[in-house]
Amino acid sequence: MGTQPTTAPRGGSIMVNLFDGTRKPVADGTDVLITVKDGNQNIVKRQDYTHPSVFFQGLQVFGNFGDDYTVVASAKNCGDTGFFPVHIAENVVQIVDLMLLPKDGGFNFNAASWKKLKQARPTLAAILAEGVTAGAAQQRYGNLEERESGAVLACLLNIATAMEQILLPQGNALQYLKTLIWDQMASDRFFAYADAALVDQVKTATVHGTFAPAPYNLHPGATSSYKQIQFGEANVQLTFHENDTKVVGGQNCVLVEPDIDYFKDLGAHLILEVVTNAFGGVTDPRVVYMLRWIAGRRAGVAEFDPLYVIV
């Protein structure tokens, strides 16, 4: 966990904790430019710091949208990172944990080998091994690391980890997947056959406010789509192709297309566009990794750990 002050001074306060792509605090002495803006888009602080934790206090409280502050951090050879909104209040300390990723950072899958995956993520390993021998499952899983410099494997691990954290009325979302379509895996999504019960489970979760209906017209053949709304960033979207069915392991299944968008409401987060622009316009699993981790820290849920790090 990042540093937290023991007392809150008058006015609003923000403790910014900086982490690297391994989810550890950045090294002391790293030069980081931190910009703090109020909700009126006025820069109230813009300065270089060399410590992994920086405490901003005495921030003006307006009692309106001006209290929705933005924090952006920049470092040499790293993509910008930030969070919005950070809603401040009198005598309250807001904790903001941010991740700085190197622009030329690569994936380290040492903790995601097939052997370790079976131990740490047995549900995902079983899905990957469906219908093939253990040796074949291990080989084709290993081959994913070579595709697009590891981006395809990172995407799979991002989405699978996030789905396993989605609690439905019965079980979690990942448990409903039965088998992947290996020749359609990409760096921003994959396709799988899932127990048809997943559709009703997600519809029920939508009634409960965990998901919201999402546009599906841009997904050829799709019949419905639902997007997780738990976080401000990096929510899972499940798009169903209910006319594409298959029996897997005795279960009636439908085709599902999971992906993770950067923002729940892009229009509300344009202020942080610079965060994603540093890594290009196409959905990048590195950005998803960063945003999902930051969002989880803000929400106080279990740490997002897709079994790889960025170095």
C-alpha atoms as a PDB file:
ATOM      1  CA  MET A   1       0.000   0.000   0.000  1.00  0.00           C
ATOM      2  CA  GLY A   2       1.109   3.576  -0.560  1.00  0.00           C
ATOM      3  CA  THR A   3       1.935   6.040   2.174  1.00  0.00           C
ATOM      4  CA  GLN A   4      -0.995   7.507   4.081  1.00  0.00           C
ATOM      5  CA  PRO A   5      -0.705  10.529   6.389  1.00  0.00           C
ATOM      6  CA  THR A   6      -1.995  10.163   9.939  1.00  0.00           C
ATOM      7  CA  THR A   7      -3.784  13.519  10.094  1.00  0.00           C
ATOM      8  CA  ALA A   8      -5.705  15.661   7.632  1.00  0.00           C
ATOM      9  CA  PRO A   9      -5.054  19.425   7.609  1.00  0.00           C
ATOM     10  CA  ARG A  10      -7.750  22.012   6.901  1.00  0.00           C
ATOM     11  CA  GLY A  11      -8.862  22.211   3.294  1.00  0.00           C
ATOM     12  CA  GLY A  12      -8.764  19.340   0.850  1.00  0.00           C
ATOM     13  CA  SER A  13      -5.748  17.041   0.689  1.00  0.00           C
ATOM     14  CA  ILE A  14      -4.427  14.514  -1.803  1.00  0.00           C
ATOM     15  CA  MET A  15      -1.691  11.959  -1.167  1.00  0.00           C
ATOM     16  CA  VAL A  16      -0.189  10.864  -4.496  1.00  0.00           C
ATOM     17  CA  ASN A  17       1.704   7.557  -4.463  1.00  0.00           C
ATOM     18  CA  LEU A  18       3.729   6.627  -7.555  1.00  0.00           C
ATOM     19  CA  PHE A  19       4.334   3.052  -8.705  1.00  0.00           C
ATOM     20  CA  ASP A  20       6.155   1.486 -11.635  1.00  0.00           C
ATOM     21  CA  GLY A  21       5.071  -1.276 -14.005  1.00  0.00           C
ATOM     22  CA  THR A  22       5.971  -3.951 -11.459  1.00  0.00           C
ATOM     23  CA  ARG A  23       3.393  -2.463  -9.060  1.00  0.00           C
ATOM     24  CA  LYS A  24       6.122  -1.359  -6.671  1.00  0.00           C
ATOM     25  CA  PRO A  25       6.849   2.249  -5.589  1.00  0.00           C
ATOM     26  CA  VAL A  26       9.053   4.120  -8.048  1.00  0.00           C
ATOM     27  CA  ALA A  27      12.669   4.412  -6.963  1.00  0.00           C
ATOM     28  CA  ASP A  28      13.440   7.313  -4.660  1.00  0.00           C
ATOM     29  CA  GLY A  29      15.159  10.000  -6.691  1.00  0.00           C
ATOM     30  CA  THR A  30      13.061   9.456  -9.821  1.00  0.00           C
ATOM     31  CA  ASP A  31      12.200  12.872 -11.246  1.00  0.00           C
ATOM     32  CA  VAL A  32       8.419  13.097 -11.708  1.00  0.00           C
ATOM     33  CA  LEU A  33       6.413  16.142 -12.759  1.00  0.00           C
ATOM     34  CA  ILE A  34       3.042  16.219 -10.978  1.00  0.00           C
ATOM     35  CA  THR A  35       0.244  18.535 -12.095  1.00  0.00           C
ATOM     36  CA  VAL A  36      -2.805  19.137  -9.915  1.00  0.00           C
ATOM     37  CA  LYS A  37      -5.838  20.921 -11.388  1.00  0.00           C
ATOM     38  CA  ASP A  38      -9.075  21.852  -9.702  1.00  0.00           C
ATOM     39  CA  GLY A  39     -12.457  21.196 -11.270  1.00  0.00           C
ATOM     40  CA  ASN A  40     -12.384  24.636 -12.865  1.00  0.00           C
ATOM     41  CA  GLN A  41      -9.311  23.526 -14.848  1.00  0.00           C
ATOM     42  CA  ASN A  42      -7.023  25.866 -12.930  1.00  0.00           C
ATOM     43  CA  ILE A  43      -3.524  24.513 -12.288  1.00  0.00           C
ATOM     44  CA  VAL A  44      -3.019  24.734  -8.544  1.00  0.00           C
ATOM     45  CA  LYS A  45       0.284  22.840  -8.437  1.00  0.00           C
ATOM     46  CA  ARG A  46       2.828  21.872 -11.073  1.00  0.00           C
ATOM     47  CA  GLN A  47       6.239  20.840  -9.821  1.00  0.00           C
ATOM     48  CA  ASP A  48       8.954  18.184 -10.080  1.00  0.00           C
ATOM     49  CA  TYR A  49       9.291  15.735  -7.210  1.00  0.00           C
ATOM     50  CA  THR A  50      11.801  12.987  -6.487  1.00  0.00           C
ATOM     51  CA  HIS A  51       9.917  10.883  -3.932  1.00  0.00           C
ATOM     52  CA  PRO A  52       7.383   8.086  -4.551  1.00  0.00           C
ATOM     53  CA  SER A  53       4.812   9.738  -2.267  1.00  0.00           C
ATOM     54  CA  VAL A  54       3.836  13.420  -2.413  1.00  0.00           C
ATOM     55  CA  PHE A  55       1.302  15.091  -0.102  1.00  0.00           C
ATOM     56  CA  PHE A  56      -0.750  18.043  -1.354  1.00  0.00           C
ATOM     57  CA  GLN A  57      -2.682  19.879   1.332  1.00  0.00           C
ATOM     58  CA  GLY A  58      -4.727  23.018   1.752  1.00  0.00           C
ATOM     59  CA  LEU A  59      -6.486  22.522  -1.602  1.00  0.00           C
ATOM     60  CA  GLN A  60      -9.446  24.850  -2.059  1.00  0.00           C
ATOM     61  CA  VAL A  61     -12.874  23.333  -1.468  1.00  0.00           C
ATOM     62  CA  PHE A  62     -15.543  24.981  -3.637  1.00  0.00           C
ATOM     63  CA  GLY A  63     -18.598  22.961  -2.654  1.00  0.00           C
ATOM     64  CA  ASN A  64     -19.400  22.232  -6.305  1.00  0.00           C
ATOM     65  CA  PHE A  65     -17.852  20.633  -9.418  1.00  0.00           C
ATOM     66  CA  GLY A  66     -14.695  22.602  -8.691  1.00  0.00           C
ATOM     67  CA  ASP A  67     -13.917  19.964  -6.062  1.00  0.00           C
ATOM     68  CA  ASP A  68     -13.363  17.316  -8.765  1.00  0.00           C
ATOM     69  CA  TYR A  69      -9.601  17.594  -9.051  1.00  0.00           C
ATOM     70  CA  THR A  70      -7.319  16.031 -11.655  1.00  0.00           C
ATOM     71  CA  VAL A  71      -3.867  14.623 -10.917  1.00  0.00           C
ATOM     72  CA  VAL A  72      -1.426  13.889 -13.772  1.00  0.00           C
ATOM     73  CA  ALA A  73       2.139  12.601 -13.387  1.00  0.00           C
ATOM     74  CA  SER A  74       4.892  12.614 -16.031  1.00  0.00           C
ATOM     75  CA  ALA A  75       8.404  11.202 -16.043  1.00  0.00           C
ATOM     76  CA  LYS A  76      11.145  10.948 -18.651  1.00  0.00           C
ATOM     77  CA  ASN A  77      10.678   8.032 -21.081  1.00  0.00           C
ATOM     78  CA  CYS A  78       7.342   7.153 -19.467  1.00  0.00           C
ATOM     79  CA  GLY A  79       3.783   7.615 -20.605  1.00  0.00           C
ATOM     80  CA  ASP A  80       1.769  10.091 -18.601  1.00  0.00           C
ATOM     81  CA  THR A  81      -0.522   8.751 -15.911  1.00  0.00           C
ATOM     82  CA  GLY A  82      -3.338  10.345 -13.983  1.00  0.00           C
ATOM     83  CA  PHE A  83      -6.734  10.157 -12.360  1.00  0.00           C
ATOM     84  CA  PHE A  84      -9.978  12.115 -12.575  1.00  0.00           C
ATOM     85  CA  PRO A  85     -12.112  12.903 -10.671  1.00  0.00           C
ATOM     86  CA  VAL A  86     -10.447  13.129  -7.267  1.00  0.00           C
ATOM     87  CA  HIS A  87     -13.279  14.591  -5.224  1.00  0.00           C
ATOM     88  CA  ILE A  88     -11.869  16.571  -2.321  1.00  0.00           C
ATOM     89  CA  ALA A  89     -13.605  17.720   0.849  1.00  0.00           C
ATOM     90  CA  GLU A  90     -12.734  19.619   3.996  1.00  0.00           C
ATOM     91  CA  ASN A  91     -10.379  17.698   6.320  1.00  0.00           C
ATOM     92  CA  VAL A  92     -10.382  14.607   4.096  1.00  0.00           C
ATOM     93  CA  VAL A  93      -7.269  13.024   2.609  1.00  0.00           C
ATOM     94  CA  GLN A  94      -7.818  11.416  -0.804  1.00  0.00           C
ATOM     95  CA  ILE A  95      -5.326   8.678  -1.683  1.00  0.00           C
ATOM     96  CA  VAL A  96      -4.374   8.482  -5.371  1.00  0.00           C
ATOM     97  CA  ASP A  97      -2.103   5.630  -6.457  1.00  0.00           C
ATOM     98  CA  LEU A  98      -0.701   6.120  -9.962  1.00  0.00           C
ATOM     99  CA  MET A  99       1.372   3.861 -12.200  1.00  0.00           C
ATOM    100  CA  LEU A 100       4.130   5.151 -14.483  1.00  0.00           C
ATOM    101  CA  LEU A 101       4.865   2.841 -17.409  1.00  0.00           C
ATOM    102  CA  PRO A 102       7.983   3.068 -19.596  1.00  0.00           C
ATOM    103  CA  LYS A 103       7.060   3.930 -23.194  1.00  0.00           C
ATOM    104  CA  ASP A 104       9.284   1.115 -24.456  1.00  0.00           C
ATOM    105  CA  GLY A 105       8.296  -1.251 -21.635  1.00  0.00           C
ATOM    106  CA  GLY A 106       7.955  -4.949 -22.328  1.00  0.00           C
ATOM    107  CA  PHE A 107       5.938  -7.733 -20.736  1.00  0.00           C
ATOM    108  CA  ASN A 108       7.546 -10.006 -18.147  1.00  0.00           C
ATOM    109  CA  PHE A 109       5.579 -13.261 -17.986  1.00  0.00           C
ATOM    110  CA  ASN A 110       7.812 -15.090 -15.492  1.00  0.00           C
ATOM    111  CA  ALA A 111       4.920 -15.489 -13.062  1.00  0.00           C
ATOM    112  CA  ALA A 112       2.549 -16.571 -15.848  1.00  0.00           C
ATOM    113  CA  SER A 113       4.242 -19.746 -17.085  1.00  0.00           C
ATOM    114  CA  TRP A 114       1.906 -22.649 -17.819  1.00  0.00           C
ATOM    115  CA  LYS A 115       2.923 -24.416 -14.597  1.00  0.00           C
ATOM    116  CA  LYS A 116       2.367 -21.320 -12.482  1.00  0.00           C
ATOM    117  CA  LEU A 117      -0.863 -20.481 -14.315  1.00  0.00           C
ATOM    118  CA  LYS A 118      -2.361 -23.859 -13.381  1.00  0.00           C
ATOM    119  CA  GLN A 119      -1.598 -23.158  -9.736  1.00  0.00           C
ATOM    120  CA  ALA A 120      -2.589 -19.478  -9.590  1.00  0.00           C
ATOM    121  CA  ARG A 121      -5.459 -19.455 -12.132  1.00  0.00           C
ATOM    122  CA  PRO A 122      -6.834 -23.017 -12.339  1.00  0.00           C
ATOM    123  CA  THR A 123     -10.126 -21.879 -13.900  1.00  0.00           C
ATOM    124  CA  LEU A 124      -8.365 -20.138 -16.774  1.00  0.00           C
ATOM    125  CA  ALA A 125      -5.975 -23.073 -17.233  1.00  0.00           C
ATOM    126  CA  ALA A 126      -8.929 -25.464 -17.511  1.00  0.00           C
ATOM    127  CA  ILE A 127     -10.546 -23.251 -20.154  1.00  0.00           C
ATOM    128  CA  LEU A 128      -7.309 -23.146 -22.136  1.00  0.00           C
ATOM    129  CA  ALA A 129      -6.931 -26.934 -21.940  1.00  0.00           C
ATOM    130  CA  GLU A 130     -10.487 -27.753 -23.045  1.00  0.00           C
ATOM    131  CA  GLY A 131     -10.572 -30.333 -25.819  1.00  0.00           C
ATOM    132  CA  VAL A 132      -6.805 -30.865 -26.184  1.00  0.00           C
ATOM    133  CA  THR A 133      -4.064 -32.837 -24.467  1.00  0.00           C
ATOM    134  CA  ALA A 134      -2.103 -31.284 -21.615  1.00  0.00           C
ATOM    135  CA  GLY A 135       0.966 -31.034 -23.846  1.00  0.00           C
ATOM    136  CA  ALA A 136      -0.926 -29.323 -26.646  1.00  0.00           C
ATOM    137  CA  ALA A 137      -2.497 -26.843 -24.216  1.00  0.00           C
ATOM    138  CA  GLN A 138       0.899 -25.951 -22.818  1.00  0.00           C
ATOM    139  CA  GLN A 139       2.409 -25.513 -26.271  1.00  0.00           C
ATOM    140  CA  ARG A 140      -0.272 -23.254 -27.701  1.00  0.00           C
ATOM    141  CA  TYR A 141      -0.371 -21.226 -24.490  1.00  0.00           C
ATOM    142  CA  GLY A 142       3.381 -20.744 -24.748  1.00  0.00           C
ATOM    143  CA  ASN A 143       3.005 -19.659 -28.366  1.00  0.00           C
ATOM    144  CA  LEU A 144       0.812 -16.741 -27.272  1.00  0.00           C
ATOM    145  CA  GLU A 145       3.822 -15.066 -25.689  1.00  0.00           C
ATOM    146  CA  GLU A 146       5.386 -14.746 -29.144  1.00  0.00           C
ATOM    147  CA  ARG A 147       2.387 -13.092 -30.766  1.00  0.00           C
ATOM    148  CA  GLU A 148       2.647  -9.295 -31.123  1.00  0.00           C
ATOM    149  CA  SER A 149       5.537  -9.209 -28.647  1.00  0.00           C
ATOM    150  CA  GLY A 150       3.350 -10.649 -25.914  1.00  0.00           C
ATOM    151  CA  ALA A 151       0.406  -8.292 -26.353  1.00  0.00           C
ATOM    152  CA  VAL A 152      -2.042 -11.103 -27.177  1.00  0.00           C
ATOM    153  CA  LEU A 153      -1.146 -13.038 -24.018  1.00  0.00           C
ATOM    154  CA  ALA A 154      -1.270  -9.859 -21.937  1.00  0.00           C
ATOM    155  CA  CYS A 155      -4.752  -9.132 -23.296  1.00  0.00           C
ATOM    156  CA  LEU A 156      -5.944 -12.634 -22.386  1.00  0.00           C
ATOM    157  CA  LEU A 157      -4.543 -12.362 -18.865  1.00  0.00           C
ATOM    158  CA  ASN A 158      -5.989  -8.863 -18.384  1.00  0.00           C
ATOM    159  CA  ILE A 159      -9.498  -9.850 -19.384  1.00  0.00           C
ATOM    160  CA  ALA A 160      -9.484 -13.221 -17.630  1.00  0.00           C
ATOM    161  CA  THR A 161      -8.233 -11.672 -14.385  1.00  0.00           C
ATOM    162  CA  ALA A 162     -10.837  -8.919 -14.560  1.00  0.00           C
ATOM    163  CA  MET A 163     -13.636 -11.411 -15.344  1.00  0.00           C
ATOM    164  CA  GLU A 164     -12.672 -13.557 -12.372  1.00  0.00           C
ATOM    165  CA  GLN A 165     -13.157 -10.496 -10.163  1.00  0.00           C
ATOM    166  CA  ILE A 166     -16.692  -9.909 -11.482  1.00  0.00           C
ATOM    167  CA  LEU A 167     -19.125 -11.499  -9.034  1.00  0.00           C
ATOM    168  CA  LEU A 168     -22.433 -12.480 -10.614  1.00  0.00           C
ATOM    169  CA  PRO A 169     -25.558 -13.712  -8.823  1.00  0.00           C
ATOM    170  CA  GLN A 170     -24.030 -17.179  -9.173  1.00  0.00           C
ATOM    171  CA  GLY A 171     -20.244 -17.467  -9.335  1.00  0.00           C
ATOM    172  CA  ASN A 172     -17.903 -15.188 -11.260  1.00  0.00           C
ATOM    173  CA  ALA A 173     -17.900 -14.307 -14.950  1.00  0.00           C
ATOM    174  CA  LEU A 174     -14.823 -16.332 -15.874  1.00  0.00           C
ATOM    175  CA  GLN A 175     -16.342 -19.573 -14.600  1.00  0.00           C
ATOM    176  CA  TYR A 176     -18.890 -19.523 -17.427  1.00  0.00           C
ATOM    177  CA  LEU A 177     -16.294 -19.663 -20.208  1.00  0.00           C
ATOM    178  CA  LYS A 178     -15.778 -23.152 -21.615  1.00  0.00           C
ATOM    179  CA  THR A 179     -13.334 -22.901 -24.510  1.00  0.00           C
ATOM    180  CA  LEU A 180     -11.475 -20.229 -26.479  1.00  0.00           C
ATOM    181  CA  ILE A 181     -11.410 -19.700 -30.232  1.00  0.00           C
ATOM    182  CA  TRP A 182      -7.657 -19.651 -30.637  1.00  0.00           C
ATOM    183  CA  ASP A 183      -7.424 -18.349 -34.188  1.00  0.00           C
ATOM    184  CA  GLN A 184      -9.422 -15.205 -33.290  1.00  0.00           C
ATOM    185  CA  MET A 185      -7.386 -14.045 -30.323  1.00  0.00           C
ATOM    186  CA  ALA A 186      -6.113 -10.457 -30.557  1.00  0.00           C
ATOM    187  CA  SER A 187      -4.359  -7.842 -28.466  1.00  0.00           C
ATOM    188  CA  ASP A 188      -7.629  -6.148 -27.481  1.00  0.00           C
ATOM    189  CA  ARG A 189     -10.180  -8.991 -27.218  1.00  0.00           C
ATOM    190  CA  PHE A 190     -10.792 -12.686 -27.606  1.00  0.00           C
ATOM    191  CA  PHE A 191     -13.734 -14.913 -28.484  1.00  0.00           C
ATOM    192  CA  ALA A 192     -14.947 -17.878 -26.457  1.00  0.00           C
ATOM    193  CA  TYR A 193     -17.907 -20.175 -26.056  1.00  0.00           C
ATOM    194  CA  ALA A 194     -19.590 -19.688 -22.705  1.00  0.00           C
ATOM    195  CA  ASP A 195     -22.350 -21.472 -20.866  1.00  0.00           C
ATOM    196  CA  ALA A 196     -25.552 -19.899 -22.204  1.00  0.00           C
ATOM    197  CA  ALA A 197     -26.538 -19.169 -18.594  1.00  0.00           C
ATOM    198  CA  LEU A 198     -23.985 -16.345 -18.635  1.00  0.00           C
ATOM    199  CA  VAL A 199     -26.385 -14.209 -20.685  1.00  0.00           C
ATOM    200  CA  ASP A 200     -29.096 -14.319 -18.015  1.00  0.00           C
ATOM    201  CA  GLN A 201     -26.537 -13.878 -15.253  1.00  0.00           C
ATOM    202  CA  VAL A 202     -25.283 -10.664 -16.837  1.00  0.00           C
ATOM    203  CA  LYS A 203     -28.833  -9.430 -17.457  1.00  0.00           C
ATOM    204  CA  THR A 204     -29.601  -9.962 -13.774  1.00  0.00           C
ATOM    205  CA  ALA A 205     -26.381  -8.175 -12.826  1.00  0.00           C
ATOM    206  CA  THR A 206     -27.540  -5.301 -15.046  1.00  0.00           C
ATOM    207  CA  VAL A 207     -30.749  -5.015 -13.034  1.00  0.00           C
ATOM    208  CA  HIS A 208     -28.617  -4.930  -9.883  1.00  0.00           C
ATOM    209  CA  GLY A 209     -26.469  -2.128 -11.291  1.00  0.00           C
ATOM    210  CA  THR A 210     -23.232  -4.040 -11.921  1.00  0.00           C
ATOM    211  CA  PHE A 211     -23.527  -3.821 -15.724  1.00  0.00           C
ATOM    212  CA  ALA A 212     -25.266  -1.512 -18.176  1.00  0.00           C
ATOM    213  CA  PRO A 213     -26.445  -2.208 -21.758  1.00  0.00           C
ATOM    214  CA  ALA A 214     -23.827  -1.203 -24.327  1.00  0.00           C
ATOM    215  CA  PRO A 215     -23.913  -0.681 -28.117  1.00  0.00           C
ATOM    216  CA  TYR A 216     -23.306  -3.896 -30.027  1.00  0.00           C
ATOM    217  CA  ASN A 217     -23.814  -2.790 -33.633  1.00  0.00           C
ATOM    218  CA  LEU A 218     -20.077  -2.421 -34.226  1.00  0.00           C
ATOM    219  CA  HIS A 219     -19.597  -6.112 -33.405  1.00  0.00           C
ATOM    220  CA  PRO A 220     -20.619  -8.120 -36.499  1.00  0.00           C
ATOM    221  CA  GLY A 221     -23.104 -10.838 -35.638  1.00  0.00           C
ATOM    222  CA  ALA A 222     -23.639  -9.634 -32.058  1.00  0.00           C
ATOM    223  CA  THR A 223     -27.086  -9.702 -30.490  1.00  0.00           C
ATOM    224  CA  SER A 224     -26.441  -7.867 -27.213  1.00  0.00           C
ATOM    225  CA  SER A 225     -23.675  -6.295 -25.176  1.00  0.00           C
ATOM    226  CA  TYR A 226     -23.230  -5.280 -21.548  1.00  0.00           C
ATOM    227  CA  LYS A 227     -20.528  -3.217 -19.917  1.00  0.00           C
ATOM    228  CA  GLN A 228     -19.326  -3.385 -16.346  1.00  0.00           C
ATOM    229  CA  ILE A 229     -19.773  -0.020 -14.609  1.00  0.00           C
ATOM    230  CA  GLN A 230     -17.940  -0.632 -11.355  1.00  0.00           C
ATOM    231  CA  PHE A 231     -14.935   1.538 -12.214  1.00  0.00           C
ATOM    232  CA  GLY A 232     -14.325   4.789 -14.029  1.00  0.00           C
ATOM    233  CA  GLU A 233     -11.698   3.082 -16.172  1.00  0.00           C
ATOM    234  CA  ALA A 234     -10.966  -0.339 -17.694  1.00  0.00           C
ATOM    235  CA  ASN A 235     -14.335  -2.035 -17.309  1.00  0.00           C
ATOM    236  CA  VAL A 236     -15.057  -5.381 -18.943  1.00  0.00           C
ATOM    237  CA  GLN A 237     -17.554  -5.438 -21.805  1.00  0.00           C
ATOM    238  CA  LEU A 238     -19.248  -8.721 -22.680  1.00  0.00           C
ATOM    239  CA  THR A 239     -20.713  -8.876 -26.187  1.00  0.00           C
ATOM    240  CA  PHE A 240     -22.899 -11.876 -26.957  1.00  0.00           C
ATOM    241  CA  HIS A 241     -23.429 -13.565 -30.329  1.00  0.00           C
ATOM    242  CA  GLU A 242     -26.432 -15.636 -29.308  1.00  0.00           C
ATOM    243  CA  ASN A 243     -27.063 -17.011 -32.793  1.00  0.00           C
ATOM    244  CA  ASP A 244     -23.656 -18.725 -32.703  1.00  0.00           C
ATOM    245  CA  THR A 245     -24.085 -21.751 -30.451  1.00  0.00           C
ATOM    246  CA  LYS A 246     -22.115 -24.861 -29.647  1.00  0.00           C
ATOM    247  CA  VAL A 247     -22.217 -27.737 -27.183  1.00  0.00           C
ATOM    248  CA  VAL A 248     -19.044 -27.888 -25.088  1.00  0.00           C
ATOM    249  CA  GLY A 249     -18.610 -30.521 -22.420  1.00  0.00           C
ATOM    250  CA  GLY A 250     -22.343 -31.245 -22.479  1.00  0.00           C
ATOM    251  CA  GLN A 251     -23.198 -27.563 -21.938  1.00  0.00           C
ATOM    252  CA  ASN A 252     -25.214 -25.446 -24.357  1.00  0.00           C
ATOM    253  CA  CYS A 253     -22.946 -22.494 -25.119  1.00  0.00           C
ATOM    254  CA  VAL A 254     -23.088 -19.183 -26.953  1.00  0.00           C
ATOM    255  CA  LEU A 255     -20.287 -17.129 -28.441  1.00  0.00           C
ATOM    256  CA  VAL A 256     -19.084 -14.290 -26.233  1.00  0.00           C
ATOM    257  CA  GLU A 257     -16.617 -11.542 -27.106  1.00  0.00           C
ATOM    258  CA  PRO A 258     -15.005 -10.008 -23.992  1.00  0.00           C
ATOM    259  CA  ASP A 259     -12.925  -6.852 -24.193  1.00  0.00           C
ATOM    260  CA  ILE A 260     -11.888  -3.979 -21.919  1.00  0.00           C
ATOM    261  CA  ASP A 261     -12.409  -0.349 -22.898  1.00  0.00           C
ATOM    262  CA  TYR A 262     -10.229   2.381 -21.459  1.00  0.00           C
ATOM    263  CA  PHE A 263     -13.033   4.530 -20.059  1.00  0.00           C
ATOM    264  CA  LYS A 264     -16.597   4.007 -18.869  1.00  0.00           C
ATOM    265  CA  ASP A 265     -17.581   7.351 -20.390  1.00  0.00           C
ATOM    266  CA  LEU A 266     -14.924   8.652 -22.765  1.00  0.00           C
ATOM    267  CA  GLY A 267     -16.536  12.079 -22.929  1.00  0.00           C
ATOM    268  CA  ALA A 268     -16.158  12.495 -19.184  1.00  0.00           C
ATOM    269  CA  HIS A 269     -12.510  11.511 -19.294  1.00  0.00           C
ATOM    270  CA  LEU A 270     -11.174  13.492 -22.221  1.00  0.00           C
ATOM    271  CA  ILE A 271      -9.009  15.349 -19.759  1.00  0.00           C
ATOM    272  CA  LEU A 272      -6.898  12.204 -19.415  1.00  0.00           C
ATOM    273  CA  GLU A 273      -6.643  11.496 -23.143  1.00  0.00           C
ATOM    274  CA  VAL A 274      -2.925  12.215 -22.931  1.00  0.00           C
ATOM    275  CA  VAL A 275      -2.549   9.095 -20.796  1.00  0.00           C
ATOM    276  CA  THR A 276      -3.653   6.828 -23.621  1.00  0.00           C
ATOM    277  CA  ASN A 277      -2.218   8.839 -26.501  1.00  0.00           C
ATOM    278  CA  ALA A 278       1.308   8.085 -25.299  1.00  0.00           C
ATOM    279  CA  PHE A 279       0.738   4.450 -26.238  1.00  0.00           C
ATOM    280  CA  GLY A 280      -1.084   4.915 -29.544  1.00  0.00           C
ATOM    281  CA  GLY A 281      -4.705   4.999 -30.585  1.00  0.00           C
ATOM    282  CA  VAL A 282      -5.532   1.270 -30.577  1.00  0.00           C
ATOM    283  CA  THR A 283      -6.455  -0.357 -27.268  1.00  0.00           C
ATOM    284  CA  ASP A 284      -3.140  -1.387 -25.733  1.00  0.00           C
ATOM    285  CA  PRO A 285      -3.023  -4.092 -23.036  1.00  0.00           C
ATOM    286  CA  ARG A 286      -0.332  -2.087 -21.229  1.00  0.00           C
ATOM    287  CA  VAL A 287      -2.714   0.847 -20.829  1.00  0.00           C
ATOM    288  CA  VAL A 288      -5.516  -1.504 -19.747  1.00  0.00           C
ATOM    289  CA  TYR A 289      -3.149  -3.008 -17.168  1.00  0.00           C
ATOM    290  CA  MET A 290      -2.298   0.452 -15.827  1.00  0.00           C
ATOM    291  CA  LEU A 291      -5.848   1.830 -15.797  1.00  0.00           C
ATOM    292  CA  ARG A 292      -7.402  -1.280 -14.279  1.00  0.00           C
ATOM    293  CA  TRP A 293      -4.791  -1.364 -11.528  1.00  0.00           C
ATOM    294  CA  ILE A 294      -5.283   2.334 -10.721  1.00  0.00           C
ATOM    295  CA  ALA A 295      -9.078   1.980 -10.779  1.00  0.00           C
ATOM    296  CA  GLY A 296      -8.932  -1.002  -8.432  1.00  0.00           C
ATOM    297  CA  ARG A 297      -6.739   0.869  -5.988  1.00  0.00           C
ATOM    298  CA  ARG A 298      -9.177   3.791  -5.967  1.00  0.00           C
ATOM    299  CA  ALA A 299     -12.120   1.437  -5.438  1.00  0.00           C
ATOM    300  CA  GLY A 300     -10.385  -0.448  -2.642  1.00  0.00           C
ATOM    301  CA  VAL A 301     -10.897  -3.880  -4.215  1.00  0.00           C
ATOM    302  CA  ALA A 302      -8.461  -6.783  -4.512  1.00  0.00           C
ATOM    303  CA  GLU A 303      -5.327  -5.808  -6.416  1.00  0.00           C
ATOM    304  CA  PHE A 304      -5.427  -6.362 -10.141  1.00  0.00           C
ATOM    305  CA  ASP A 305      -2.740  -8.990 -10.730  1.00  0.00           C
ATOM    306  CA  PRO A 306      -2.775 -10.530 -14.220  1.00  0.00           C
ATOM    307  CA  LEU A 307       0.375 -12.560 -13.407  1.00  0.00           C
ATOM    308  CA  TYR A 308       2.700 -10.381 -15.451  1.00  0.00           C
ATOM    309  CA  VAL A 309       4.480  -7.069 -14.959  1.00  0.00           C
ATOM    310  CA  ILE A 310       5.833  -4.395 -17.303  1.00  0.00           C
ATOM    311  CA  VAL A 311       9.539  -3.598 -17.158  1.00  0.00           C
END
